[in-house]
Amino acid sequence: MSAIIKGETGDWEIVIGMEVHAQITAQSKLFSGAATDFGSAPNSQVSLVDAAMPGMLPVLNEYCVEQAVRTGLGLNAQVNLHSVFERKNYFYPDLPQGYQISQFLHPIIGKGIIEIDLPNGETKEIGITRLHMEQDAGKSIHDQHPTKSFVDLNRSGCALMEIVSEPDLRGPEEACAYLTKLRMILRYLETCDGNLEEGSMRADVNVSVRKPGDELGTRCEIKNVNSIKAVQMAIEYESVRQVELIENGGKVKQETRLWDNAKGETRSMRSKEEAHDYRYFPDPDLLPLIIEQSFVDQLKQTLPELPDQKKHRFMESYGLGIYDATVLIMERSRADYYEEAAQNRDPKITANWVINELLGGLNKDGKTLDESPVSAKQLGELVGLISDKTISGKIAKDVFAEMMASGKNPAAIVDEKGLKQVTDTGAIEKIVDEVIAENPDNVAAYKGGKDKLFGFFVGQVLKKSGGKANPDMVNELLKQKLDQ
């Protein structure tokens, strides 16, 4: 599903690779015991190690290693039993050590694969180059004082996984699908909360353009893009900028750029550093990280069913189409809700009610699934009432609206309001006869060849029955009597 830009000199192909920084879900930092809660008062979660006080030594957080390995397994990636922490040297005011402890030559996770779901229903495999662990820097704040910048070190030392993709993405749609799927996998594994707004997941997007089939072009890196929508807009802007630049006789410089959401454009920050600029060398305070294969095998046993496995199972076991299955597995809690609701019920009708009525209603009310007034069991009961013809699909919508408002069980609402479907042939036949008797002109017109009037008669019978008459029986009786 390659995105092509139509330039003055012909077609151009967009090539994208992504580097995603995902904060590891853990109670403490990568090399210290300081807390990691979001939104705490500035500099209230900083240990002596995080502040780089002289003589302080880093101690590796074993749980963060577990989380990185679980993520690697979830990405179908190679887990390296030997990895090395290195110092990545650069100066920044919110980096107290003057270096960041990271992994470069020997990362903990090697090559892997993610399957992405494209809007046209196709899937595509995207290569993962590596996943390495590193500590986060602090945060510089520039809007608190007219002439000074402040530094908050709460984030300093938080454990990050940097997940680097191969340049396999072609266009903004694929990039958004990749980020969506990666976020989904991390949330299923509970190794990162995937909260883009809070900065616990940030994307650096590498964009280049080329003539289809040519060598890779010069890339520009767009730093710290913090929403899926912003990724799409940044790629659209940057790819057009590069094509116009080349076609006007210029050259793309390898550089780091910033996405300005307010102006809807990328801006140059600095020329792109290469690995040698950081003077990487093994951290003398940390031994190489050696893990046992038995440790990896044990973690593999604890993995949940992952999104793609669940999607394929929903399609095979429940007979769902790819769209419904993809929507239902977007969140682990949503998939669990569906499975509980669909127990001993029609799986396709249940999927339709979860996706259209429940999610639509919650979205309208600004509520999450966790805040739903309708439980999975209750929704399953409503589907049961439709399936056994106790109520019609039309009445079910009224019952569901009452369930959303009151949280009551569907059977109780049906009994209270007398909404049971009329399936008594005699009672329906009486209403059919009344409608035919009241509309002699339309009966004559129908018999004269105006077949479309049949819908009018159905509507009149349902109206007279208060929507309670079984629609199948109404159709059958009307057909018999009008065709006599």
Protein backbone atom coordinates (compact mmCIF):
# COMPACT_ATOMS: atom_id res chain seq x y z
CA MET A 1 0.00 0.00 0.00
CA SER A 2 2.75 2.36 -1.06
CA ALA A 3 2.06 6.08 -0.77
CA ILE A 4 3.11 7.89 -3.92
CA ILE A 5 3.66 11.65 -4.28
CA LYS A 6 2.99 13.08 -7.72
CA GLY A 7 5.84 15.52 -8.35
CA GLU A 8 6.68 17.66 -11.38
CA THR A 9 9.25 15.06 -12.46
CA GLY A 10 6.97 12.04 -11.91
CA ASP A 11 6.21 9.71 -9.02
CA TRP A 12 8.08 9.67 -5.70
CA GLU A 13 7.94 6.96 -3.07
CA ILE A 14 8.00 7.72 0.69
CA VAL A 15 10.26 5.52 2.83
CA ILE A 16 9.85 5.54 6.62
CA GLY A 17 11.60 3.94 9.57
CA MET A 18 10.55 4.59 13.17
CA GLU A 19 12.32 4.73 16.51
CA VAL A 20 9.78 4.48 19.33
CA HIS A 21 10.75 5.27 22.91
CA ALA A 22 8.44 3.37 25.27
CA GLN A 23 8.72 3.91 29.02
CA ILE A 24 8.83 0.56 30.80
CA THR A 25 5.96 0.02 33.23
CA ALA A 26 7.83 -0.36 36.53
CA GLN A 27 7.60 1.03 40.05
CA SER A 28 11.19 2.29 40.05
CA LYS A 29 13.83 3.56 37.62
CA LEU A 30 16.34 1.59 35.54
CA PHE A 31 19.34 2.09 37.83
CA SER A 32 17.86 3.50 41.06
CA GLY A 33 14.98 2.94 43.49
CA ALA A 34 13.33 6.33 42.82
CA ALA A 35 9.60 6.27 41.96
CA THR A 36 8.24 6.77 38.44
CA ASP A 37 4.74 8.21 39.05
CA PHE A 38 3.57 10.67 36.40
CA GLY A 39 2.52 14.15 37.47
CA SER A 40 4.46 14.36 40.74
CA ALA A 41 5.88 17.70 41.92
CA PRO A 42 9.08 18.69 40.03
CA ASN A 43 12.28 17.06 41.33
CA SER A 44 10.37 15.03 43.96
CA GLN A 45 11.37 11.64 42.51
CA VAL A 46 15.12 12.01 42.16
CA SER A 47 17.65 9.76 43.87
CA LEU A 48 21.35 10.60 44.29
CA VAL A 49 22.04 8.24 41.34
CA ASP A 50 19.56 10.12 39.09
CA ALA A 51 21.13 13.45 40.06
CA ALA A 52 24.62 12.05 39.23
CA MET A 53 26.11 12.86 42.59
CA PRO A 54 29.83 11.92 42.82
CA GLY A 55 30.51 8.30 43.76
CA MET A 56 26.96 7.09 43.07
CA LEU A 57 26.84 3.71 41.26
CA PRO A 58 23.98 2.39 39.06
CA VAL A 59 22.28 -0.88 40.06
CA LEU A 60 20.26 -2.59 37.31
CA ASN A 61 16.52 -3.08 37.93
CA GLU A 62 15.84 -6.79 37.24
CA TYR A 63 12.11 -6.22 36.65
CA CYS A 64 12.91 -3.80 33.80
CA VAL A 65 15.01 -6.55 32.19
CA GLU A 66 12.01 -8.92 32.47
CA GLN A 67 9.75 -6.31 30.83
CA ALA A 68 12.20 -5.80 27.95
CA VAL A 69 12.45 -9.57 27.35
CA ARG A 70 8.64 -9.95 27.46
CA THR A 71 8.37 -7.16 24.87
CA GLY A 72 10.96 -8.84 22.66
CA LEU A 73 9.01 -12.10 22.79
CA GLY A 74 5.81 -10.19 21.95
CA LEU A 75 7.56 -8.74 18.87
CA ASN A 76 8.56 -12.23 17.66
CA ALA A 77 12.16 -11.09 18.12
CA GLN A 78 15.51 -12.68 18.97
CA VAL A 79 16.37 -12.36 22.68
CA ASN A 80 20.12 -11.86 23.13
CA LEU A 81 21.43 -13.70 26.19
CA HIS A 82 24.46 -11.36 26.24
CA SER A 83 24.00 -7.57 26.08
CA VAL A 84 26.10 -4.57 27.12
CA PHE A 85 25.27 -1.17 28.60
CA GLU A 86 27.26 1.69 27.11
CA ARG A 87 27.67 5.39 27.76
CA LYS A 88 26.26 7.67 25.06
CA ASN A 89 28.08 10.96 25.64
CA TYR A 90 26.46 14.33 25.00
CA PHE A 91 25.83 17.52 26.95
CA TYR A 92 22.35 18.76 27.79
CA PRO A 93 21.22 20.70 30.88
CA ASP A 94 18.72 17.99 31.90
CA LEU A 95 21.31 15.18 31.60
CA PRO A 96 23.26 15.50 34.90
CA GLN A 97 25.88 12.81 34.11
CA GLY A 98 26.82 14.29 30.73
CA TYR A 99 26.07 10.86 29.28
CA GLN A 100 23.10 8.52 28.93
CA ILE A 101 23.41 4.83 29.83
CA SER A 102 22.11 2.98 26.77
CA GLN A 103 22.85 -0.08 24.61
CA PHE A 104 24.43 0.19 21.17
CA LEU A 105 26.54 -2.64 19.76
CA HIS A 106 24.96 -5.39 21.87
CA PRO A 107 21.24 -4.72 22.53
CA ILE A 108 19.07 -7.04 24.62
CA ILE A 109 16.66 -7.73 21.72
CA GLY A 110 17.56 -8.34 18.06
CA LYS A 111 15.50 -8.70 14.88
CA GLY A 112 11.74 -9.24 15.02
CA ILE A 113 8.50 -8.77 13.06
CA ILE A 114 5.20 -6.90 13.54
CA GLU A 115 2.14 -7.58 11.40
CA ILE A 116 0.24 -4.37 10.68
CA ASP A 117 -3.40 -4.06 9.60
CA LEU A 118 -3.98 -1.65 6.70
CA PRO A 119 -7.20 0.30 6.04
CA ASN A 120 -7.93 -1.72 2.88
CA GLY A 121 -8.10 -4.97 4.91
CA GLU A 122 -4.61 -6.19 3.91
CA THR A 123 -1.81 -7.02 6.34
CA LYS A 124 1.92 -6.35 5.98
CA GLU A 125 4.97 -7.49 7.93
CA ILE A 126 7.30 -4.76 9.24
CA GLY A 127 10.79 -5.71 10.39
CA ILE A 128 12.09 -4.76 13.84
CA THR A 129 15.83 -4.03 13.80
CA ARG A 130 16.40 -4.06 17.56
CA LEU A 131 15.09 -3.14 20.98
CA HIS A 132 17.52 -1.75 23.50
CA MET A 133 17.15 -0.44 27.04
CA GLU A 134 18.29 3.00 28.10
CA GLN A 135 17.64 5.59 30.79
CA ASP A 136 15.55 8.68 30.05
CA ALA A 137 16.88 12.23 30.43
CA GLY A 138 15.18 14.90 32.53
CA LYS A 139 12.98 17.66 31.18
CA SER A 140 13.85 21.29 30.44
CA ILE A 141 10.97 23.74 31.01
CA HIS A 142 11.11 27.03 29.13
CA ASP A 143 7.73 28.66 29.86
CA GLN A 144 7.94 29.29 33.64
CA HIS A 145 10.19 32.38 33.59
CA PRO A 146 10.85 35.16 31.06
CA THR A 147 14.67 34.72 31.02
CA LYS A 148 15.42 31.36 32.67
CA SER A 149 14.84 27.69 31.93
CA PHE A 150 14.04 25.22 34.69
CA VAL A 151 15.06 21.56 34.89
CA ASP A 152 12.85 18.76 36.29
CA LEU A 153 14.77 15.52 36.90
CA ASN A 154 11.73 13.35 37.80
CA ARG A 155 12.00 11.57 34.45
CA SER A 156 15.80 11.25 34.66
CA GLY A 157 16.72 7.58 34.89
CA CYS A 158 13.28 6.21 33.99
CA ALA A 159 13.63 2.95 32.05
CA LEU A 160 13.00 3.20 28.31
CA MET A 161 12.84 0.64 25.54
CA GLU A 162 13.89 2.08 22.19
CA ILE A 163 12.22 -0.01 19.48
CA VAL A 164 13.75 0.56 16.04
CA SER A 165 12.01 -0.56 12.85
CA GLU A 166 13.48 -1.40 9.47
CA PRO A 167 12.73 1.22 6.74
CA ASP A 168 9.80 -0.97 5.61
CA LEU A 169 7.00 1.59 5.97
CA ARG A 170 5.66 3.29 2.86
CA GLY A 171 3.55 6.32 3.64
CA PRO A 172 1.66 7.87 6.56
CA GLU A 173 -1.11 5.24 6.68
CA GLU A 174 1.37 2.41 7.19
CA ALA A 175 3.29 4.43 9.80
CA CYS A 176 0.08 5.07 11.77
CA ALA A 177 -0.93 1.40 11.50
CA TYR A 178 2.53 0.40 12.79
CA LEU A 179 2.42 2.77 15.77
CA THR A 180 -1.15 1.64 16.58
CA LYS A 181 -0.20 -2.05 16.49
CA LEU A 182 3.02 -1.53 18.49
CA ARG A 183 1.09 0.40 21.16
CA MET A 184 -1.52 -2.37 21.25
CA ILE A 185 1.14 -5.08 21.77
CA LEU A 186 2.85 -3.11 24.58
CA ARG A 187 -0.51 -2.57 26.34
CA TYR A 188 -1.49 -6.25 26.02
CA LEU A 189 1.90 -7.22 27.52
CA GLU A 190 1.56 -4.45 30.17
CA THR A 191 5.20 -3.49 29.54
CA CYS A 192 4.30 0.15 28.68
CA ASP A 193 1.00 2.00 29.17
CA GLY A 194 1.31 3.51 25.66
CA ASN A 195 0.15 6.91 26.87
CA LEU A 196 1.30 9.28 24.12
CA GLU A 197 -0.18 12.35 25.84
CA GLU A 198 1.88 11.79 29.02
CA GLY A 199 5.03 11.11 27.01
CA SER A 200 5.42 7.48 28.08
CA MET A 201 5.51 6.60 24.37
CA ARG A 202 7.22 8.91 21.87
CA ALA A 203 8.05 8.39 18.21
CA ASP A 204 11.04 9.61 16.18
CA VAL A 205 10.07 9.33 12.52
CA ASN A 206 12.76 8.95 9.83
CA VAL A 207 11.45 10.10 6.43
CA SER A 208 13.10 9.99 3.01
CA VAL A 209 11.84 10.02 -0.59
CA ARG A 210 13.07 8.29 -3.74
CA LYS A 211 12.03 7.42 -7.25
CA PRO A 212 10.34 3.98 -7.11
CA GLY A 213 13.03 1.28 -7.28
CA ASP A 214 15.96 3.68 -6.61
CA GLU A 215 18.41 3.53 -3.70
CA LEU A 216 17.24 4.97 -0.38
CA GLY A 217 17.25 8.76 -0.26
CA THR A 218 18.73 11.01 2.47
CA ARG A 219 16.56 10.82 5.57
CA CYS A 220 15.47 13.45 8.05
CA GLU A 221 14.51 12.49 11.59
CA ILE A 222 11.44 14.16 13.09
CA LYS A 223 11.87 14.03 16.88
CA ASN A 224 9.40 13.24 19.67
CA VAL A 225 6.12 13.17 17.74
CA ASN A 226 3.55 12.52 20.46
CA SER A 227 0.32 11.42 18.75
CA ILE A 228 -0.68 9.11 15.91
CA LYS A 229 -2.41 11.99 14.13
CA ALA A 230 0.75 14.11 14.42
CA VAL A 231 2.82 11.26 12.91
CA GLN A 232 0.52 11.23 9.88
CA MET A 233 0.64 15.02 9.44
CA ALA A 234 4.41 15.23 9.97
CA ILE A 235 5.09 12.56 7.31
CA GLU A 236 2.70 14.19 4.82
CA TYR A 237 4.38 17.59 5.29
CA GLU A 238 7.99 16.38 5.37
CA SER A 239 7.72 14.09 2.31
CA VAL A 240 6.23 16.90 0.18
CA ARG A 241 8.93 19.31 1.48
CA GLN A 242 11.69 16.91 0.41
CA VAL A 243 10.20 16.29 -3.06
CA GLU A 244 9.80 20.03 -3.71
CA LEU A 245 13.35 20.68 -2.46
CA ILE A 246 14.88 18.05 -4.79
CA GLU A 247 12.78 19.06 -7.80
CA ASN A 248 13.86 22.68 -7.32
CA GLY A 249 17.53 21.69 -7.56
CA GLY A 250 18.27 21.44 -3.82
CA LYS A 251 19.57 18.54 -1.74
CA VAL A 252 18.06 16.99 1.37
CA LYS A 253 20.42 17.37 4.33
CA GLN A 254 20.51 14.60 6.93
CA GLU A 255 19.24 16.45 9.96
CA THR A 256 17.00 16.31 13.00
CA ARG A 257 13.74 18.22 12.65
CA LEU A 258 10.97 19.22 15.03
CA TRP A 259 7.24 18.88 14.33
CA ASP A 260 5.37 22.13 15.07
CA ASN A 261 1.78 21.07 15.68
CA ALA A 262 0.44 24.64 15.77
CA LYS A 263 1.93 25.59 12.38
CA GLY A 264 1.57 22.11 10.83
CA GLU A 265 5.19 22.00 9.65
CA THR A 266 8.60 20.47 10.42
CA ARG A 267 11.49 22.79 11.39
CA SER A 268 15.24 22.19 11.40
CA MET A 269 16.75 21.61 14.87
CA ARG A 270 20.30 20.42 14.20
CA SER A 271 22.40 18.37 11.79
CA LYS A 272 21.88 14.65 12.42
CA GLU A 273 24.45 13.08 14.71
CA GLU A 274 26.08 9.78 13.83
CA ALA A 275 26.96 7.06 16.34
CA HIS A 276 30.63 8.12 16.46
CA ASP A 277 29.59 11.61 17.60
CA TYR A 278 28.38 10.11 20.88
CA ARG A 279 31.70 8.36 21.65
CA TYR A 280 29.97 5.17 22.84
CA PHE A 281 31.98 2.94 25.18
CA PRO A 282 30.97 0.18 27.64
CA ASP A 283 29.89 1.62 30.99
CA PRO A 284 32.71 0.77 33.43
CA ASP A 285 30.24 0.67 36.35
CA LEU A 286 28.06 -2.06 34.81
CA LEU A 287 29.02 -5.63 33.95
CA PRO A 288 27.71 -7.17 30.70
CA LEU A 289 24.13 -8.40 31.16
CA ILE A 290 24.01 -12.22 30.94
CA ILE A 291 20.61 -13.93 31.07
CA GLU A 292 19.80 -17.65 31.02
CA GLN A 293 17.70 -19.31 28.31
CA SER A 294 15.59 -20.83 31.12
CA PHE A 295 14.72 -17.25 32.25
CA VAL A 296 13.52 -16.44 28.71
CA ASP A 297 11.55 -19.71 28.44
CA GLN A 298 9.88 -19.06 31.79
CA LEU A 299 8.78 -15.56 30.70
CA LYS A 300 7.47 -16.98 27.41
CA GLN A 301 5.06 -19.15 29.40
CA THR A 302 3.55 -16.06 31.06
CA LEU A 303 2.75 -14.14 27.84
CA PRO A 304 -0.93 -13.32 27.25
CA GLU A 305 -2.65 -14.09 23.95
CA LEU A 306 -1.38 -11.25 21.75
CA PRO A 307 -3.48 -9.06 19.39
CA ASP A 308 -2.76 -10.94 16.15
CA GLN A 309 -3.33 -14.34 17.76
CA LYS A 310 -6.62 -13.08 19.20
CA LYS A 311 -7.68 -11.50 15.87
CA HIS A 312 -7.12 -14.76 13.95
CA ARG A 313 -8.91 -16.79 16.66
CA PHE A 314 -11.92 -14.44 16.61
CA MET A 315 -12.14 -14.85 12.84
CA GLU A 316 -11.82 -18.65 12.98
CA SER A 317 -13.80 -19.46 16.16
CA TYR A 318 -16.54 -16.83 15.91
CA GLY A 319 -16.74 -16.45 12.13
CA LEU A 320 -16.09 -12.68 12.32
CA GLY A 321 -14.83 -10.60 9.39
CA ILE A 322 -11.42 -8.92 9.59
CA TYR A 323 -12.95 -5.48 10.33
CA ASP A 324 -15.01 -6.64 13.33
CA ALA A 325 -12.15 -8.79 14.68
CA THR A 326 -9.68 -5.89 14.34
CA VAL A 327 -11.98 -3.43 16.15
CA LEU A 328 -12.68 -5.89 18.98
CA ILE A 329 -9.02 -6.67 19.73
CA MET A 330 -7.92 -2.98 19.79
CA GLU A 331 -7.95 -3.12 23.61
CA ARG A 332 -7.49 -6.23 25.71
CA SER A 333 -10.43 -5.22 27.94
CA ARG A 334 -12.67 -4.78 24.86
CA ALA A 335 -11.82 -8.27 23.58
CA ASP A 336 -12.50 -9.75 27.05
CA TYR A 337 -15.85 -7.90 27.22
CA TYR A 338 -16.86 -9.29 23.82
CA GLU A 339 -15.94 -12.87 24.71
CA GLU A 340 -17.95 -12.74 27.94
CA ALA A 341 -20.97 -11.21 26.15
CA ALA A 342 -20.77 -13.75 23.29
CA GLN A 343 -20.77 -16.79 25.59
CA ASN A 344 -23.59 -19.09 24.35
CA ARG A 345 -24.88 -16.24 22.13
CA ASP A 346 -24.79 -15.53 18.40
CA PRO A 347 -21.18 -14.24 17.99
CA LYS A 348 -21.88 -12.05 14.95
CA ILE A 349 -24.94 -10.33 16.47
CA THR A 350 -22.96 -9.82 19.70
CA ALA A 351 -20.04 -8.26 17.78
CA ASN A 352 -22.46 -5.92 16.02
CA TRP A 353 -23.96 -4.77 19.34
CA VAL A 354 -20.58 -4.29 21.02
CA ILE A 355 -19.09 -2.31 18.11
CA ASN A 356 -22.05 -0.21 16.99
CA GLU A 357 -24.35 0.24 19.97
CA LEU A 358 -22.10 -0.13 23.03
CA LEU A 359 -18.92 1.57 21.79
CA GLY A 360 -20.98 4.17 19.91
CA GLY A 361 -23.04 4.94 23.03
CA LEU A 362 -20.00 5.14 25.30
CA ASN A 363 -18.22 7.43 22.84
CA LYS A 364 -21.28 9.70 22.71
CA ASP A 365 -21.38 9.86 26.54
CA GLY A 366 -17.60 10.40 26.79
CA LYS A 367 -17.14 7.19 28.80
CA THR A 368 -14.57 4.39 28.64
CA LEU A 369 -15.47 0.69 28.56
CA ASP A 370 -14.49 0.46 32.25
CA GLU A 371 -17.19 3.06 33.00
CA SER A 372 -19.90 1.26 31.01
CA PRO A 373 -23.25 1.04 32.83
CA VAL A 374 -23.98 -2.11 30.77
CA SER A 375 -21.98 -5.18 31.78
CA ALA A 376 -20.88 -7.85 29.30
CA LYS A 377 -23.33 -10.31 30.92
CA GLN A 378 -26.23 -7.84 30.47
CA LEU A 379 -25.36 -7.22 26.81
CA GLY A 380 -25.24 -10.99 26.26
CA GLU A 381 -28.71 -11.28 27.83
CA LEU A 382 -30.03 -8.60 25.46
CA VAL A 383 -28.63 -10.51 22.45
CA GLY A 384 -30.33 -13.64 23.84
CA LEU A 385 -33.71 -11.83 23.95
CA ILE A 386 -33.28 -10.85 20.28
CA SER A 387 -32.19 -14.35 19.24
CA ASP A 388 -35.13 -16.12 20.93
CA LYS A 389 -37.56 -13.56 19.44
CA THR A 390 -38.65 -12.21 22.85
CA ILE A 391 -38.03 -8.71 21.43
CA SER A 392 -37.34 -7.35 17.95
CA GLY A 393 -34.10 -5.66 16.94
CA LYS A 394 -35.95 -2.32 16.87
CA ILE A 395 -37.29 -2.71 20.42
CA ALA A 396 -33.86 -3.93 21.53
CA LYS A 397 -32.44 -0.49 20.70
CA ASP A 398 -35.00 1.15 23.04
CA VAL A 399 -34.20 -1.42 25.75
CA PHE A 400 -30.46 -0.79 25.31
CA ALA A 401 -30.96 2.99 25.67
CA GLU A 402 -32.74 2.34 28.97
CA MET A 403 -29.94 -0.03 30.05
CA MET A 404 -27.35 2.70 29.35
CA ALA A 405 -29.38 5.21 31.36
CA SER A 406 -30.31 3.00 34.33
CA GLY A 407 -27.94 0.01 34.34
CA LYS A 408 -30.97 -2.32 34.70
CA ASN A 409 -31.11 -5.84 33.28
CA PRO A 410 -32.77 -6.12 29.85
CA ALA A 411 -35.37 -8.71 30.97
CA ALA A 412 -36.51 -6.42 33.80
CA ILE A 413 -36.94 -3.47 31.38
CA VAL A 414 -38.89 -5.65 28.92
CA ASP A 415 -41.24 -6.82 31.71
CA GLU A 416 -41.69 -3.35 33.26
CA LYS A 417 -42.54 -1.70 29.96
CA GLY A 418 -44.47 -4.61 28.44
CA LEU A 419 -42.16 -4.77 25.42
CA LYS A 420 -42.35 -8.50 24.67
CA GLN A 421 -42.70 -9.21 21.00
CA VAL A 422 -46.17 -10.32 19.88
CA THR A 423 -45.84 -13.74 18.26
CA ASP A 424 -49.51 -14.70 18.57
CA THR A 425 -50.62 -15.28 14.97
CA GLY A 426 -54.24 -14.43 15.76
CA ALA A 427 -53.35 -11.08 17.38
CA ILE A 428 -51.08 -10.07 14.48
CA GLU A 429 -53.64 -11.23 11.90
CA LYS A 430 -56.29 -9.00 13.54
CA ILE A 431 -54.01 -5.92 13.16
CA VAL A 432 -53.16 -6.88 9.55
CA ASP A 433 -56.89 -7.10 8.72
CA GLU A 434 -57.49 -3.67 10.31
CA VAL A 435 -54.68 -2.04 8.30
CA ILE A 436 -55.94 -3.57 5.01
CA ALA A 437 -59.51 -2.45 5.78
CA GLU A 438 -58.37 1.12 6.58
CA ASN A 439 -56.38 1.55 3.34
CA PRO A 440 -58.54 0.33 0.40
CA ASP A 441 -56.93 2.74 -2.11
CA ASN A 442 -53.42 1.55 -1.30
CA VAL A 443 -54.56 -2.09 -1.44
CA ALA A 444 -55.94 -1.48 -4.94
CA ALA A 445 -52.73 0.30 -6.01
CA TYR A 446 -50.59 -2.57 -4.63
CA LYS A 447 -52.68 -5.15 -6.47
CA GLY A 448 -52.37 -2.97 -9.58
CA GLY A 449 -48.58 -3.47 -9.57
CA LYS A 450 -47.18 -0.88 -7.07
CA ASP A 451 -45.11 -3.46 -5.15
CA LYS A 452 -43.22 -0.79 -3.19
CA LEU A 453 -46.39 -0.13 -1.14
CA PHE A 454 -45.72 -3.40 0.70
CA GLY A 455 -43.30 -1.51 2.97
CA PHE A 456 -46.08 0.97 3.81
CA PHE A 457 -48.34 -1.86 5.04
CA VAL A 458 -45.53 -3.40 7.14
CA GLY A 459 -44.88 0.00 8.73
CA GLN A 460 -48.58 0.52 9.55
CA VAL A 461 -48.92 -2.91 11.19
CA LEU A 462 -45.77 -2.39 13.30
CA LYS A 463 -47.01 1.08 14.28
CA LYS A 464 -50.40 -0.25 15.38
CA SER A 465 -48.68 -2.99 17.43
CA GLY A 466 -46.43 -0.46 19.15
CA GLY A 467 -43.45 -2.07 17.42
CA LYS A 468 -44.11 -5.36 19.23
CA ALA A 469 -45.34 -7.51 16.33
CA ASN A 470 -42.83 -10.07 15.07
CA PRO A 471 -41.65 -8.57 11.73
CA ASP A 472 -41.25 -11.98 10.04
CA MET A 473 -44.84 -12.94 10.89
CA VAL A 474 -46.11 -9.51 9.78
CA ASN A 475 -44.42 -9.95 6.39
CA GLU A 476 -45.77 -13.46 5.96
CA LEU A 477 -49.40 -12.60 6.86
CA LEU A 478 -49.44 -9.42 4.76
CA LYS A 479 -48.07 -11.33 1.76
CA GLN A 480 -50.79 -13.97 2.08
CA LYS A 481 -53.65 -11.48 2.40
CA LEU A 482 -52.54 -8.88 -0.18
CA ASP A 483 -51.83 -11.55 -2.78
CA GLN A 484 -55.26 -13.19 -2.39
